[in-house]
Amino acid sequence: QVQLVESGGGLVQAGGSLRLSCAASGRTSNAMGWFRQAPGKEREFVAGISGSGGTIHYADSVKGRFTISRDNAKNTMYLQMNSLKPEDTAVYCCAAARRYSTSADPYEYAYWGQGTQVTVSS
């Protein structure tokens, strides 16, 4: 059983930055990812990272602006978000996958955090 806790969300102006953290209660060597869900919209894949951190994938909407990373010694994953836009406003959740390689499919993820709110004002 892995428990995930996100932190680092908040309110920021457009063009600003935030860094999200996802702390895992136990060690996970599998892939991890970030998803987001805005009001009235479906959950959306944001970024994924393999167990070793060697393979990374991003949604097209965040490429070049967001950076995912992980520190396996600290059982923590990060999402650095730069050049934020109002359309990035959502609840951001981290998740741990059932597999070692990355996936954009939420059904590949077995464990989920509660989420942290990110609000970008224009």
PDB file of N, CA and C in Angstrom:
ATOM      1  N   GLN A   1       0.841  -1.181   0.000  1.00  0.00           N
ATOM      2  CA  GLN A   1       0.000   0.000   0.000  1.00  0.00           C
ATOM      3  C   GLN A   1       0.880   1.237   0.000  1.00  0.00           C
ATOM      4  N   VAL A   2       0.597   2.153  -0.905  1.00  0.00           N
ATOM      5  CA  VAL A   2       1.349   3.403  -0.998  1.00  0.00           C
ATOM      6  C   VAL A   2       0.382   4.563  -0.792  1.00  0.00           C
ATOM      7  N   GLN A   3       0.724   5.447   0.091  1.00  0.00           N
ATOM      8  CA  GLN A   3      -0.067   6.661   0.291  1.00  0.00           C
ATOM      9  C   GLN A   3       0.689   7.846  -0.274  1.00  0.00           C
ATOM     10  N   LEU A   4      -0.038   8.705  -0.973  1.00  0.00           N
ATOM     11  CA  LEU A   4       0.568   9.847  -1.653  1.00  0.00           C
ATOM     12  C   LEU A   4      -0.040  11.142  -1.129  1.00  0.00           C
ATOM     13  N   VAL A   5       0.811  12.115  -0.855  1.00  0.00           N
ATOM     14  CA  VAL A   5       0.344  13.403  -0.358  1.00  0.00           C
ATOM     15  C   VAL A   5       0.984  14.513  -1.175  1.00  0.00           C
ATOM     16  N   GLU A   6       0.123  15.330  -1.802  1.00  0.00           N
ATOM     17  CA  GLU A   6       0.611  16.452  -2.606  1.00  0.00           C
ATOM     18  C   GLU A   6       0.709  17.718  -1.757  1.00  0.00           C
ATOM     19  N   SER A   7       1.598  18.596  -2.178  1.00  0.00           N
ATOM     20  CA  SER A   7       1.712  19.911  -1.552  1.00  0.00           C
ATOM     21  C   SER A   7       2.264  20.887  -2.586  1.00  0.00           C
ATOM     22  N   GLY A   8       2.130  22.171  -2.283  1.00  0.00           N
ATOM     23  CA  GLY A   8       2.728  23.189  -3.142  1.00  0.00           C
ATOM     24  C   GLY A   8       1.760  23.950  -4.015  1.00  0.00           C
ATOM     25  N   GLY A   9       0.477  23.580  -3.990  1.00  0.00           N
ATOM     26  CA  GLY A   9      -0.491  24.318  -4.783  1.00  0.00           C
ATOM     27  C   GLY A   9      -0.742  25.704  -4.215  1.00  0.00           C
ATOM     28  N   GLY A  10      -1.507  26.491  -4.954  1.00  0.00           N
ATOM     29  CA  GLY A  10      -1.826  27.834  -4.480  1.00  0.00           C
ATOM     30  C   GLY A  10      -2.340  28.715  -5.588  1.00  0.00           C
ATOM     31  N   LEU A  11      -2.381  30.001  -5.295  1.00  0.00           N
ATOM     32  CA  LEU A  11      -2.851  31.005  -6.237  1.00  0.00           C
ATOM     33  C   LEU A  11      -1.645  31.754  -6.790  1.00  0.00           C
ATOM     34  N   VAL A  12      -1.578  31.884  -8.104  1.00  0.00           N
ATOM     35  CA  VAL A  12      -0.458  32.564  -8.731  1.00  0.00           C
ATOM     36  C   VAL A  12      -0.973  33.333  -9.941  1.00  0.00           C
ATOM     37  N   GLN A  13      -0.306  34.416 -10.280  1.00  0.00           N
ATOM     38  CA  GLN A  13      -0.683  35.183 -11.462  1.00  0.00           C
ATOM     39  C   GLN A  13      -0.166  34.501 -12.724  1.00  0.00           C
ATOM     40  N   ALA A  14      -0.832  34.763 -13.825  1.00  0.00           N
ATOM     41  CA  ALA A  14      -0.384  34.230 -15.110  1.00  0.00           C
ATOM     42  C   ALA A  14       1.071  34.620 -15.358  1.00  0.00           C
ATOM     43  N   GLY A  15       1.841  33.650 -15.843  1.00  0.00           N
ATOM     44  CA  GLY A  15       3.261  33.863 -16.063  1.00  0.00           C
ATOM     45  C   GLY A  15       4.125  33.459 -14.887  1.00  0.00           C
ATOM     46  N   GLY A  16       3.496  33.185 -13.768  1.00  0.00           N
ATOM     47  CA  GLY A  16       4.229  32.802 -12.569  1.00  0.00           C
ATOM     48  C   GLY A  16       4.578  31.322 -12.541  1.00  0.00           C
ATOM     49  N   SER A  17       5.141  30.911 -11.399  1.00  0.00           N
ATOM     50  CA  SER A  17       5.611  29.533 -11.243  1.00  0.00           C
ATOM     51  C   SER A  17       5.132  28.944  -9.920  1.00  0.00           C
ATOM     52  N   LEU A  18       5.001  27.647  -9.916  1.00  0.00           N
ATOM     53  CA  LEU A  18       4.730  26.874  -8.705  1.00  0.00           C
ATOM     54  C   LEU A  18       5.481  25.554  -8.809  1.00  0.00           C
ATOM     55  N   ARG A  19       5.818  24.996  -7.641  1.00  0.00           N
ATOM     56  CA  ARG A  19       6.439  23.675  -7.604  1.00  0.00           C
ATOM     57  C   ARG A  19       5.598  22.769  -6.736  1.00  0.00           C
ATOM     58  N   LEU A  20       5.063  21.717  -7.330  1.00  0.00           N
ATOM     59  CA  LEU A  20       4.283  20.739  -6.590  1.00  0.00           C
ATOM     60  C   LEU A  20       5.188  19.598  -6.144  1.00  0.00           C
ATOM     61  N   SER A  21       4.881  19.059  -4.976  1.00  0.00           N
ATOM     62  CA  SER A  21       5.584  17.895  -4.463  1.00  0.00           C
ATOM     63  C   SER A  21       4.583  16.785  -4.185  1.00  0.00           C
ATOM     64  N   CYS A  22       5.033  15.565  -4.313  1.00  0.00           N
ATOM     65  CA  CYS A  22       4.212  14.388  -4.011  1.00  0.00           C
ATOM     66  C   CYS A  22       5.067  13.450  -3.181  1.00  0.00           C
ATOM     67  N   ALA A  23       4.719  13.335  -1.914  1.00  0.00           N
ATOM     68  CA  ALA A  23       5.470  12.483  -1.007  1.00  0.00           C
ATOM     69  C   ALA A  23       4.779  11.138  -0.866  1.00  0.00           C
ATOM     70  N   ALA A  24       5.537  10.061  -1.064  1.00  0.00           N
ATOM     71  CA  ALA A  24       5.002   8.706  -0.942  1.00  0.00           C
ATOM     72  C   ALA A  24       5.357   8.133   0.420  1.00  0.00           C
ATOM     73  N   SER A  25       4.372   7.447   1.024  1.00  0.00           N
ATOM     74  CA  SER A  25       4.598   6.887   2.357  1.00  0.00           C
ATOM     75  C   SER A  25       5.539   5.703   2.315  1.00  0.00           C
ATOM     76  N   GLY A  26       5.524   5.001   1.186  1.00  0.00           N
ATOM     77  CA  GLY A  26       6.406   3.861   1.045  1.00  0.00           C
ATOM     78  C   GLY A  26       7.204   3.988  -0.233  1.00  0.00           C
ATOM     79  N   ARG A  27       8.190   3.124  -0.337  1.00  0.00           N
ATOM     80  CA  ARG A  27       9.027   3.180  -1.528  1.00  0.00           C
ATOM     81  C   ARG A  27       8.273   2.598  -2.719  1.00  0.00           C
ATOM     82  N   THR A  28       8.280   3.321  -3.817  1.00  0.00           N
ATOM     83  CA  THR A  28       7.713   2.788  -5.040  1.00  0.00           C
ATOM     84  C   THR A  28       8.733   2.898  -6.149  1.00  0.00           C
ATOM     85  N   SER A  29       8.991   1.788  -6.793  1.00  0.00           N
ATOM     86  CA  SER A  29       9.948   1.771  -7.896  1.00  0.00           C
ATOM     87  C   SER A  29       9.237   1.836  -9.230  1.00  0.00           C
ATOM     88  N   ASN A  30       7.915   1.982  -9.182  1.00  0.00           N
ATOM     89  CA  ASN A  30       7.146   2.038 -10.426  1.00  0.00           C
ATOM     90  C   ASN A  30       7.038   3.471 -10.951  1.00  0.00           C
ATOM     91  N   ALA A  31       6.463   3.585 -12.136  1.00  0.00           N
ATOM     92  CA  ALA A  31       6.258   4.900 -12.730  1.00  0.00           C
ATOM     93  C   ALA A  31       5.304   5.733 -11.864  1.00  0.00           C
ATOM     94  N   MET A  32       5.437   7.023 -11.960  1.00  0.00           N
ATOM     95  CA  MET A  32       4.539   7.940 -11.279  1.00  0.00           C
ATOM     96  C   MET A  32       4.106   9.014 -12.261  1.00  0.00           C
ATOM     97  N   GLY A  33       3.036   9.692 -11.928  1.00  0.00           N
ATOM     98  CA  GLY A  33       2.548  10.712 -12.844  1.00  0.00           C
ATOM     99  C   GLY A  33       1.746  11.784 -12.150  1.00  0.00           C
ATOM    100  N   TRP A  34       1.531  12.852 -12.894  1.00  0.00           N
ATOM    101  CA  TRP A  34       0.660  13.942 -12.456  1.00  0.00           C
ATOM    102  C   TRP A  34      -0.530  14.027 -13.412  1.00  0.00           C
ATOM    103  N   PHE A  35      -1.703  14.178 -12.831  1.00  0.00           N
ATOM    104  CA  PHE A  35      -2.930  14.400 -13.579  1.00  0.00           C
ATOM    105  C   PHE A  35      -3.578  15.661 -13.027  1.00  0.00           C
ATOM    106  N   ARG A  36      -4.480  16.233 -13.797  1.00  0.00           N
ATOM    107  CA  ARG A  36      -5.222  17.391 -13.308  1.00  0.00           C
ATOM    108  C   ARG A  36      -6.667  17.318 -13.779  1.00  0.00           C
ATOM    109  N   GLN A  37      -7.527  17.977 -13.023  1.00  0.00           N
ATOM    110  CA  GLN A  37      -8.940  18.024 -13.380  1.00  0.00           C
ATOM    111  C   GLN A  37      -9.487  19.400 -13.059  1.00  0.00           C
ATOM    112  N   ALA A  38      -9.982  20.063 -14.089  1.00  0.00           N
ATOM    113  CA  ALA A  38     -10.613  21.370 -13.927  1.00  0.00           C
ATOM    114  C   ALA A  38     -12.116  21.172 -13.777  1.00  0.00           C
ATOM    115  N   PRO A  39     -12.802  22.134 -13.162  1.00  0.00           N
ATOM    116  CA  PRO A  39     -14.254  22.013 -12.990  1.00  0.00           C
ATOM    117  C   PRO A  39     -14.960  21.788 -14.320  1.00  0.00           C
ATOM    118  N   GLY A  40     -15.814  20.769 -14.364  1.00  0.00           N
ATOM    119  CA  GLY A  40     -16.579  20.494 -15.560  1.00  0.00           C
ATOM    120  C   GLY A  40     -15.818  19.794 -16.664  1.00  0.00           C
ATOM    121  N   LYS A  41     -14.575  19.432 -16.388  1.00  0.00           N
ATOM    122  CA  LYS A  41     -13.760  18.767 -17.406  1.00  0.00           C
ATOM    123  C   LYS A  41     -13.305  17.396 -16.913  1.00  0.00           C
ATOM    124  N   GLU A  42     -12.888  16.563 -17.862  1.00  0.00           N
ATOM    125  CA  GLU A  42     -12.391  15.238 -17.508  1.00  0.00           C
ATOM    126  C   GLU A  42     -10.962  15.336 -16.965  1.00  0.00           C
ATOM    127  N   ARG A  43     -10.588  14.304 -16.211  1.00  0.00           N
ATOM    128  CA  ARG A  43      -9.224  14.227 -15.718  1.00  0.00           C
ATOM    129  C   ARG A  43      -8.263  14.153 -16.903  1.00  0.00           C
ATOM    130  N   GLU A  44      -7.151  14.866 -16.779  1.00  0.00           N
ATOM    131  CA  GLU A  44      -6.209  15.006 -17.893  1.00  0.00           C
ATOM    132  C   GLU A  44      -4.811  14.623 -17.442  1.00  0.00           C
ATOM    133  N   PHE A  45      -4.128  13.826 -18.244  1.00  0.00           N
ATOM    134  CA  PHE A  45      -2.731  13.495 -17.989  1.00  0.00           C
ATOM    135  C   PHE A  45      -1.877  14.743 -18.174  1.00  0.00           C
ATOM    136  N   VAL A  46      -0.946  14.968 -17.265  1.00  0.00           N
ATOM    137  CA  VAL A  46      -0.048  16.113 -17.354  1.00  0.00           C
ATOM    138  C   VAL A  46       1.381  15.662 -17.673  1.00  0.00           C
ATOM    139  N   ALA A  47       1.893  14.739 -16.874  1.00  0.00           N
ATOM    140  CA  ALA A  47       3.272  14.286 -17.058  1.00  0.00           C
ATOM    141  C   ALA A  47       3.471  12.954 -16.347  1.00  0.00           C
ATOM    142  N   GLY A  48       4.389  12.148 -16.881  1.00  0.00           N
ATOM    143  CA  GLY A  48       4.703  10.867 -16.272  1.00  0.00           C
ATOM    144  C   GLY A  48       6.197  10.621 -16.281  1.00  0.00           C
ATOM    145  N   ILE A  49       6.654   9.861 -15.308  1.00  0.00           N
ATOM    146  CA  ILE A  49       8.080   9.576 -15.182  1.00  0.00           C
ATOM    147  C   ILE A  49       8.258   8.112 -14.810  1.00  0.00           C
ATOM    148  N   SER A  50       9.211   7.446 -15.441  1.00  0.00           N
ATOM    149  CA  SER A  50       9.441   6.031 -15.189  1.00  0.00           C
ATOM    150  C   SER A  50      10.056   5.812 -13.809  1.00  0.00           C
ATOM    151  N   GLY A  51      10.138   4.559 -13.412  1.00  0.00           N
ATOM    152  CA  GLY A  51      10.650   4.231 -12.096  1.00  0.00           C
ATOM    153  C   GLY A  51      12.048   4.766 -11.824  1.00  0.00           C
ATOM    154  N   SER A  52      12.895   4.733 -12.831  1.00  0.00           N
ATOM    155  CA  SER A  52      14.268   5.223 -12.666  1.00  0.00           C
ATOM    156  C   SER A  52      14.373   6.720 -12.891  1.00  0.00           C
ATOM    157  N   GLY A  53      13.339   7.300 -13.478  1.00  0.00           N
ATOM    158  CA  GLY A  53      13.392   8.713 -13.856  1.00  0.00           C
ATOM    159  C   GLY A  53      13.998   8.936 -15.225  1.00  0.00           C
ATOM    160  N   GLY A  54      14.359   7.858 -15.900  1.00  0.00           N
ATOM    161  CA  GLY A  54      15.038   7.993 -17.182  1.00  0.00           C
ATOM    162  C   GLY A  54      14.131   8.275 -18.360  1.00  0.00           C
ATOM    163  N   THR A  55      12.843   7.994 -18.219  1.00  0.00           N
ATOM    164  CA  THR A  55      11.885   8.238 -19.303  1.00  0.00           C
ATOM    165  C   THR A  55      10.784   9.156 -18.788  1.00  0.00           C
ATOM    166  N   ILE A  56      10.520  10.187 -19.543  1.00  0.00           N
ATOM    167  CA  ILE A  56       9.544  11.203 -19.152  1.00  0.00           C
ATOM    168  C   ILE A  56       8.634  11.525 -20.338  1.00  0.00           C
ATOM    169  N   HIS A  57       7.367  11.717 -20.061  1.00  0.00           N
ATOM    170  CA  HIS A  57       6.421  12.133 -21.086  1.00  0.00           C
ATOM    171  C   HIS A  57       5.587  13.297 -20.546  1.00  0.00           C
ATOM    172  N   TYR A  58       5.247  14.200 -21.448  1.00  0.00           N
ATOM    173  CA  TYR A  58       4.417  15.350 -21.097  1.00  0.00           C
ATOM    174  C   TYR A  58       3.225  15.433 -22.032  1.00  0.00           C
ATOM    175  N   ALA A  59       2.142  15.994 -21.514  1.00  0.00           N
ATOM    176  CA  ALA A  59       1.038  16.373 -22.379  1.00  0.00           C
ATOM    177  C   ALA A  59       1.500  17.545 -23.247  1.00  0.00           C
ATOM    178  N   ASP A  60       0.980  17.619 -24.454  1.00  0.00           N
ATOM    179  CA  ASP A  60       1.388  18.695 -25.359  1.00  0.00           C
ATOM    180  C   ASP A  60       1.112  20.064 -24.760  1.00  0.00           C
ATOM    181  N   SER A  61       0.071  20.146 -23.972  1.00  0.00           N
ATOM    182  CA  SER A  61      -0.343  21.439 -23.423  1.00  0.00           C
ATOM    183  C   SER A  61       0.646  22.007 -22.404  1.00  0.00           C
ATOM    184  N   VAL A  62       1.542  21.173 -21.881  1.00  0.00           N
ATOM    185  CA  VAL A  62       2.474  21.659 -20.853  1.00  0.00           C
ATOM    186  C   VAL A  62       3.934  21.526 -21.266  1.00  0.00           C
ATOM    187  N   LYS A  63       4.197  20.946 -22.428  1.00  0.00           N
ATOM    188  CA  LYS A  63       5.580  20.773 -22.890  1.00  0.00           C
ATOM    189  C   LYS A  63       6.294  22.107 -22.969  1.00  0.00           C
ATOM    190  N   GLY A  64       7.508  22.128 -22.462  1.00  0.00           N
ATOM    191  CA  GLY A  64       8.298  23.344 -22.487  1.00  0.00           C
ATOM    192  C   GLY A  64       8.037  24.268 -21.316  1.00  0.00           C
ATOM    193  N   ARG A  65       6.987  23.997 -20.545  1.00  0.00           N
ATOM    194  CA  ARG A  65       6.655  24.843 -19.390  1.00  0.00           C
ATOM    195  C   ARG A  65       6.758  24.091 -18.074  1.00  0.00           C
ATOM    196  N   PHE A  66       6.411  22.802 -18.077  1.00  0.00           N
ATOM    197  CA  PHE A  66       6.426  21.986 -16.863  1.00  0.00           C
ATOM    198  C   PHE A  66       7.590  21.001 -16.914  1.00  0.00           C
ATOM    199  N   THR A  67       8.126  20.687 -15.728  1.00  0.00           N
ATOM    200  CA  THR A  67       9.196  19.707 -15.616  1.00  0.00           C
ATOM    201  C   THR A  67       8.886  18.742 -14.477  1.00  0.00           C
ATOM    202  N   ILE A  68       8.827  17.460 -14.809  1.00  0.00           N
ATOM    203  CA  ILE A  68       8.587  16.429 -13.795  1.00  0.00           C
ATOM    204  C   ILE A  68       9.925  15.821 -13.391  1.00  0.00           C
ATOM    205  N   SER A  69      10.054  15.480 -12.129  1.00  0.00           N
ATOM    206  CA  SER A  69      11.269  14.831 -11.642  1.00  0.00           C
ATOM    207  C   SER A  69      10.924  13.998 -10.414  1.00  0.00           C
ATOM    208  N   ARG A  70      11.849  13.166 -10.010  1.00  0.00           N
ATOM    209  CA  ARG A  70      11.622  12.355  -8.807  1.00  0.00           C
ATOM    210  C   ARG A  70      12.949  12.142  -8.106  1.00  0.00           C
ATOM    211  N   ASP A  71      12.860  12.005  -6.791  1.00  0.00           N
ATOM    212  CA  ASP A  71      14.011  11.698  -5.948  1.00  0.00           C
ATOM    213  C   ASP A  71      13.657  10.413  -5.206  1.00  0.00           C
ATOM    214  N   ASN A  72      14.119   9.291  -5.714  1.00  0.00           N
ATOM    215  CA  ASN A  72      13.730   8.010  -5.132  1.00  0.00           C
ATOM    216  C   ASN A  72      14.288   7.826  -3.715  1.00  0.00           C
ATOM    217  N   ALA A  73      15.386   8.477  -3.407  1.00  0.00           N
ATOM    218  CA  ALA A  73      15.934   8.381  -2.046  1.00  0.00           C
ATOM    219  C   ALA A  73      14.995   9.035  -1.033  1.00  0.00           C
ATOM    220  N   LYS A  74      14.231  10.031  -1.505  1.00  0.00           N
ATOM    221  CA  LYS A  74      13.294  10.734  -0.624  1.00  0.00           C
ATOM    222  C   LYS A  74      11.857  10.286  -0.866  1.00  0.00           C
ATOM    223  N   ASN A  75      11.640   9.330  -1.773  1.00  0.00           N
ATOM    224  CA  ASN A  75      10.282   8.872  -2.108  1.00  0.00           C
ATOM    225  C   ASN A  75       9.385  10.052  -2.476  1.00  0.00           C
ATOM    226  N   THR A  76       9.908  10.964  -3.254  1.00  0.00           N
ATOM    227  CA  THR A  76       9.185  12.188  -3.585  1.00  0.00           C
ATOM    228  C   THR A  76       9.285  12.476  -5.080  1.00  0.00           C
ATOM    229  N   MET A  77       8.163  12.949  -5.626  1.00  0.00           N
ATOM    230  CA  MET A  77       8.099  13.367  -7.024  1.00  0.00           C
ATOM    231  C   MET A  77       7.750  14.853  -7.050  1.00  0.00           C
ATOM    232  N   TYR A  78       8.191  15.527  -8.087  1.00  0.00           N
ATOM    233  CA  TYR A  78       7.976  16.966  -8.198  1.00  0.00           C
ATOM    234  C   TYR A  78       7.388  17.336  -9.551  1.00  0.00           C
ATOM    235  N   LEU A  79       6.740  18.483  -9.577  1.00  0.00           N
ATOM    236  CA  LEU A  79       6.300  19.072 -10.839  1.00  0.00           C
ATOM    237  C   LEU A  79       6.591  20.564 -10.768  1.00  0.00           C
ATOM    238  N   GLN A  80       7.595  20.995 -11.506  1.00  0.00           N
ATOM    239  CA  GLN A  80       7.910  22.412 -11.601  1.00  0.00           C
ATOM    240  C   GLN A  80       7.087  23.002 -12.726  1.00  0.00           C
ATOM    241  N   MET A  81       6.282  23.993 -12.403  1.00  0.00           N
ATOM    242  CA  MET A  81       5.375  24.595 -13.376  1.00  0.00           C
ATOM    243  C   MET A  81       5.766  26.050 -13.586  1.00  0.00           C
ATOM    244  N   ASN A  82       6.195  26.374 -14.783  1.00  0.00           N
ATOM    245  CA  ASN A  82       6.576  27.737 -15.140  1.00  0.00           C
ATOM    246  C   ASN A  82       5.638  28.287 -16.202  1.00  0.00           C
ATOM    247  N   SER A  83       5.681  29.591 -16.377  1.00  0.00           N
ATOM    248  CA  SER A  83       4.844  30.261 -17.393  1.00  0.00           C
ATOM    249  C   SER A  83       3.396  29.807 -17.306  1.00  0.00           C
ATOM    250  N   LEU A  84       2.876  29.811 -16.100  1.00  0.00           N
ATOM    251  CA  LEU A  84       1.519  29.316 -15.874  1.00  0.00           C
ATOM    252  C   LEU A  84       0.483  30.168 -16.578  1.00  0.00           C
ATOM    253  N   LYS A  85      -0.565  29.499 -17.039  1.00  0.00           N
ATOM    254  CA  LYS A  85      -1.663  30.142 -17.751  1.00  0.00           C
ATOM    255  C   LYS A  85      -2.964  29.910 -16.996  1.00  0.00           C
ATOM    256  N   PRO A  86      -3.958  30.776 -17.180  1.00  0.00           N
ATOM    257  CA  PRO A  86      -5.248  30.547 -16.517  1.00  0.00           C
ATOM    258  C   PRO A  86      -5.823  29.163 -16.823  1.00  0.00           C
ATOM    259  N   GLU A  87      -5.580  28.640 -17.997  1.00  0.00           N
ATOM    260  CA  GLU A  87      -6.111  27.320 -18.353  1.00  0.00           C
ATOM    261  C   GLU A  87      -5.400  26.178 -17.633  1.00  0.00           C
ATOM    262  N   ASP A  88      -4.359  26.474 -16.891  1.00  0.00           N
ATOM    263  CA  ASP A  88      -3.710  25.459 -16.050  1.00  0.00           C
ATOM    264  C   ASP A  88      -4.433  25.295 -14.703  1.00  0.00           C
ATOM    265  N   THR A  89      -5.407  26.145 -14.448  1.00  0.00           N
ATOM    266  CA  THR A  89      -6.160  26.061 -13.197  1.00  0.00           C
ATOM    267  C   THR A  89      -6.880  24.722 -13.090  1.00  0.00           C
ATOM    268  N   ALA A  90      -6.615  24.007 -12.005  1.00  0.00           N
ATOM    269  CA  ALA A  90      -7.183  22.670 -11.817  1.00  0.00           C
ATOM    270  C   ALA A  90      -6.742  22.126 -10.463  1.00  0.00           C
ATOM    271  N   VAL A  91      -7.338  21.009 -10.095  1.00  0.00           N
ATOM    272  CA  VAL A  91      -6.816  20.213  -8.984  1.00  0.00           C
ATOM    273  C   VAL A  91      -5.790  19.246  -9.567  1.00  0.00           C
ATOM    274  N   TYR A  92      -4.585  19.279  -9.015  1.00  0.00           N
ATOM    275  CA  TYR A  92      -3.502  18.432  -9.505  1.00  0.00           C
ATOM    276  C   TYR A  92      -3.314  17.259  -8.553  1.00  0.00           C
ATOM    277  N   CYS A  93      -3.324  16.053  -9.110  1.00  0.00           N
ATOM    278  CA  CYS A  93      -3.159  14.836  -8.320  1.00  0.00           C
ATOM    279  C   CYS A  93      -1.934  14.068  -8.793  1.00  0.00           C
ATOM    280  N   CYS A  94      -1.222  13.502  -7.843  1.00  0.00           N
ATOM    281  CA  CYS A  94      -0.141  12.603  -8.223  1.00  0.00           C
ATOM    282  C   CYS A  94      -0.631  11.166  -8.092  1.00  0.00           C
ATOM    283  N   ALA A  95       0.021  10.276  -8.820  1.00  0.00           N
ATOM    284  CA  ALA A  95      -0.394   8.884  -8.836  1.00  0.00           C
ATOM    285  C   ALA A  95       0.810   7.988  -9.035  1.00  0.00           C
ATOM    286  N   ALA A  96       0.714   6.777  -8.489  1.00  0.00           N
ATOM    287  CA  ALA A  96       1.759   5.771  -8.646  1.00  0.00           C
ATOM    288  C   ALA A  96       1.204   4.628  -9.483  1.00  0.00           C
ATOM    289  N   ALA A  97       1.956   4.240 -10.493  1.00  0.00           N
ATOM    290  CA  ALA A  97       1.465   3.260 -11.464  1.00  0.00           C
ATOM    291  C   ALA A  97       1.688   1.818 -11.015  1.00  0.00           C
ATOM    292  N   ARG A  98       1.047   0.905 -11.754  1.00  0.00           N
ATOM    293  CA  ARG A  98       1.223  -0.531 -11.535  1.00  0.00           C
ATOM    294  C   ARG A  98       2.389  -1.064 -12.361  1.00  0.00           C
ATOM    295  N   ARG A  99       3.020  -0.220 -13.125  1.00  0.00           N
ATOM    296  CA  ARG A  99       4.059  -0.637 -14.054  1.00  0.00           C
ATOM    297  C   ARG A  99       5.276   0.273 -13.933  1.00  0.00           C
ATOM    298  N   TYR A 100       6.395  -0.181 -14.450  1.00  0.00           N
ATOM    299  CA  TYR A 100       7.648   0.563 -14.352  1.00  0.00           C
ATOM    300  C   TYR A 100       7.723   1.688 -15.382  1.00  0.00           C
ATOM    301  N   SER A 101       7.150   1.441 -16.566  1.00  0.00           N
ATOM    302  CA  SER A 101       7.239   2.439 -17.623  1.00  0.00           C
ATOM    303  C   SER A 101       6.087   3.427 -17.515  1.00  0.00           C
ATOM    304  N   THR A 102       6.273   4.601 -18.116  1.00  0.00           N
ATOM    305  CA  THR A 102       5.286   5.661 -17.994  1.00  0.00           C
ATOM    306  C   THR A 102       4.012   5.336 -18.768  1.00  0.00           C
ATOM    307  N   SER A 103       2.930   5.965 -18.374  1.00  0.00           N
ATOM    308  CA  SER A 103       1.659   5.804 -19.060  1.00  0.00           C
ATOM    309  C   SER A 103       0.816   7.046 -18.857  1.00  0.00           C
ATOM    310  N   ALA A 104       0.036   7.401 -19.893  1.00  0.00           N
ATOM    311  CA  ALA A 104      -0.909   8.507 -19.781  1.00  0.00           C
ATOM    312  C   ALA A 104      -2.301   8.007 -19.422  1.00  0.00           C
ATOM    313  N   ASP A 105      -2.465   6.698 -19.301  1.00  0.00           N
ATOM    314  CA  ASP A 105      -3.751   6.077 -18.999  1.00  0.00           C
ATOM    315  C   ASP A 105      -3.955   6.028 -17.487  1.00  0.00           C
ATOM    316  N   PRO A 106      -4.950   6.736 -16.978  1.00  0.00           N
ATOM    317  CA  PRO A 106      -5.153   6.738 -15.519  1.00  0.00           C
ATOM    318  C   PRO A 106      -5.450   5.351 -14.955  1.00  0.00           C
ATOM    319  N   TYR A 107      -5.929   4.429 -15.782  1.00  0.00           N
ATOM    320  CA  TYR A 107      -6.236   3.090 -15.280  1.00  0.00           C
ATOM    321  C   TYR A 107      -4.974   2.267 -15.027  1.00  0.00           C
ATOM    322  N   GLU A 108      -3.828   2.769 -15.473  1.00  0.00           N
ATOM    323  CA  GLU A 108      -2.555   2.102 -15.173  1.00  0.00           C
ATOM    324  C   GLU A 108      -2.027   2.488 -13.792  1.00  0.00           C
ATOM    325  N   TYR A 109      -2.722   3.402 -13.132  1.00  0.00           N
ATOM    326  CA  TYR A 109      -2.255   3.908 -11.840  1.00  0.00           C
ATOM    327  C   TYR A 109      -3.083   3.330 -10.702  1.00  0.00           C
ATOM    328  N   ALA A 110      -2.397   2.781  -9.703  1.00  0.00           N
ATOM    329  CA  ALA A 110      -3.078   2.084  -8.613  1.00  0.00           C
ATOM    330  C   ALA A 110      -3.318   2.970  -7.396  1.00  0.00           C
ATOM    331  N   TYR A 111      -2.462   3.952  -7.201  1.00  0.00           N
ATOM    332  CA  TYR A 111      -2.546   4.780  -5.995  1.00  0.00           C
ATOM    333  C   TYR A 111      -2.628   6.249  -6.390  1.00  0.00           C
ATOM    334  N   TRP A 112      -3.474   6.974  -5.649  1.00  0.00           N
ATOM    335  CA  TRP A 112      -3.718   8.380  -5.966  1.00  0.00           C
ATOM    336  C   TRP A 112      -3.668   9.221  -4.704  1.00  0.00           C
ATOM    337  N   GLY A 113      -3.161  10.448  -4.850  1.00  0.00           N
ATOM    338  CA  GLY A 113      -3.236  11.407  -3.768  1.00  0.00           C
ATOM    339  C   GLY A 113      -4.567  12.126  -3.790  1.00  0.00           C
ATOM    340  N   GLN A 114      -4.787  12.972  -2.784  1.00  0.00           N
ATOM    341  CA  GLN A 114      -6.051  13.697  -2.667  1.00  0.00           C
ATOM    342  C   GLN A 114      -6.109  14.904  -3.594  1.00  0.00           C
ATOM    343  N   GLY A 115      -4.970  15.402  -3.980  1.00  0.00           N
ATOM    344  CA  GLY A 115      -4.935  16.539  -4.895  1.00  0.00           C
ATOM    345  C   GLY A 115      -4.615  17.846  -4.203  1.00  0.00           C
ATOM    346  N   THR A 116      -4.092  18.778  -4.981  1.00  0.00           N
ATOM    347  CA  THR A 116      -3.805  20.122  -4.496  1.00  0.00           C
ATOM    348  C   THR A 116      -4.293  21.122  -5.545  1.00  0.00           C
ATOM    349  N   GLN A 117      -4.928  22.182  -5.081  1.00  0.00           N
ATOM    350  CA  GLN A 117      -5.534  23.163  -5.989  1.00  0.00           C
ATOM    351  C   GLN A 117      -4.470  24.118  -6.525  1.00  0.00           C
ATOM    352  N   VAL A 118      -4.490  24.309  -7.824  1.00  0.00           N
ATOM    353  CA  VAL A 118      -3.661  25.320  -8.481  1.00  0.00           C
ATOM    354  C   VAL A 118      -4.597  26.279  -9.189  1.00  0.00           C
ATOM    355  N   THR A 119      -4.496  27.556  -8.852  1.00  0.00           N
ATOM    356  CA  THR A 119      -5.332  28.578  -9.460  1.00  0.00           C
ATOM    357  C   THR A 119      -4.437  29.643 -10.068  1.00  0.00           C
ATOM    358  N   VAL A 120      -4.626  29.893 -11.365  1.00  0.00           N
ATOM    359  CA  VAL A 120      -3.826  30.884 -12.075  1.00  0.00           C
ATOM    360  C   VAL A 120      -4.752  32.023 -12.492  1.00  0.00           C
ATOM    361  N   SER A 121      -4.478  33.194 -11.982  1.00  0.00           N
ATOM    362  CA  SER A 121      -5.313  34.354 -12.297  1.00  0.00           C
ATOM    363  C   SER A 121      -4.751  35.096 -13.515  1.00  0.00           C
ATOM    364  N   SER A 122      -5.655  35.698 -14.262  1.00  0.00           N
ATOM    365  CA  SER A 122      -5.228  36.424 -15.469  1.00  0.00           C
ATOM    366  C   SER A 122      -4.913  37.878 -15.177  1.00  0.00           C
TER     367      SER A 122
END
